[in-house]
Amino acid sequence: MKSLLSIASLSLLFIACGSSQKSKTTNTKVADPSVYAATITQDDLKTALYTFASDAFEGRETGAEGQKKLSTF
């Protein structure tokens, strides 16, 4: 009786795994990264780097107060 139950449960498991729904493919456009890359300037990157590396962010150690701060540069 136990072996019959285990066979039945295995059969149900295989049926459940094999009957997953197929995802529909959608036509989504992929953004062109070169458009966004052209908006980044050297001064913006320098400002961001100096902001995140400043003492105000307290080293941004995981779990520390500085890690939870947001920048508004």
Protein backbone atom coordinates (compact mmCIF):
# COMPACT_ATOMS: atom_id res chain seq x y z
CA MET A 1 0.00 0.00 0.00
CA LYS A 2 2.83 2.40 0.86
CA SER A 3 4.58 1.69 -2.42
CA LEU A 4 1.35 2.37 -4.32
CA LEU A 5 1.01 5.73 -2.56
CA SER A 6 4.62 6.64 -3.29
CA ILE A 7 4.19 5.70 -6.97
CA ALA A 8 1.01 7.77 -7.14
CA SER A 9 2.67 10.76 -5.49
CA LEU A 10 5.68 10.53 -7.82
CA SER A 11 3.34 10.34 -10.80
CA LEU A 12 1.51 13.46 -9.64
CA LEU A 13 4.83 15.21 -9.15
CA PHE A 14 5.94 14.44 -12.71
CA ILE A 15 2.59 15.53 -14.11
CA ALA A 16 2.73 18.80 -12.15
CA CYS A 17 6.27 19.54 -13.31
CA GLY A 18 5.51 18.77 -16.93
CA SER A 19 2.35 20.85 -17.14
CA SER A 20 3.86 24.27 -16.61
CA GLN A 21 2.42 27.01 -18.76
CA LYS A 22 4.42 28.26 -21.67
CA SER A 23 5.20 31.95 -21.50
CA LYS A 24 4.04 34.09 -24.36
CA THR A 25 6.69 36.00 -26.18
CA THR A 26 6.02 39.70 -26.43
CA ASN A 27 7.50 42.17 -28.80
CA THR A 28 9.44 44.45 -26.48
CA LYS A 29 11.83 47.08 -27.69
CA VAL A 30 15.30 47.11 -26.18
CA ALA A 31 16.62 50.55 -25.31
CA ASP A 32 19.72 51.68 -27.15
CA PRO A 33 22.39 52.23 -24.47
CA SER A 34 24.37 54.65 -26.64
CA VAL A 35 21.56 57.21 -26.30
CA TYR A 36 21.90 57.18 -22.52
CA ALA A 37 25.68 56.93 -22.57
CA ALA A 38 25.83 60.20 -24.51
CA THR A 39 24.11 62.00 -21.61
CA ILE A 40 26.85 61.12 -19.10
CA THR A 41 29.56 63.73 -18.71
CA GLN A 42 32.95 63.59 -17.07
CA ASP A 43 31.89 66.26 -14.57
CA ASP A 44 28.78 64.27 -13.58
CA LEU A 45 30.86 61.15 -12.97
CA LYS A 46 33.41 63.10 -10.95
CA THR A 47 30.67 64.67 -8.82
CA ALA A 48 29.07 61.27 -8.17
CA LEU A 49 32.39 59.66 -7.27
CA TYR A 50 33.40 62.41 -4.86
CA THR A 51 29.93 62.39 -3.29
CA PHE A 52 29.87 58.66 -2.62
CA ALA A 53 33.50 58.64 -1.45
CA SER A 54 32.98 61.55 0.96
CA ASP A 55 32.95 61.26 4.74
CA ALA A 56 29.22 62.03 4.69
CA PHE A 57 28.54 58.47 3.55
CA GLU A 58 30.62 56.95 6.33
CA GLY A 59 32.32 54.40 4.09
CA ARG A 60 28.98 52.78 3.10
CA GLU A 61 29.73 49.57 5.00
CA THR A 62 26.96 46.99 4.77
CA GLY A 63 24.45 47.52 7.56
CA ALA A 64 25.97 50.84 8.61
CA GLU A 65 24.06 54.12 8.57
CA GLY A 66 26.11 55.43 5.64
CA GLN A 67 25.04 52.49 3.46
CA LYS A 68 21.40 53.52 3.76
CA LYS A 69 21.95 57.16 2.76
CA LEU A 70 20.80 58.36 -0.62
CA SER A 71 22.70 60.79 -2.75
CA THR A 72 21.15 63.92 -4.21
CA PHE A 73 24.05 65.03 -6.37
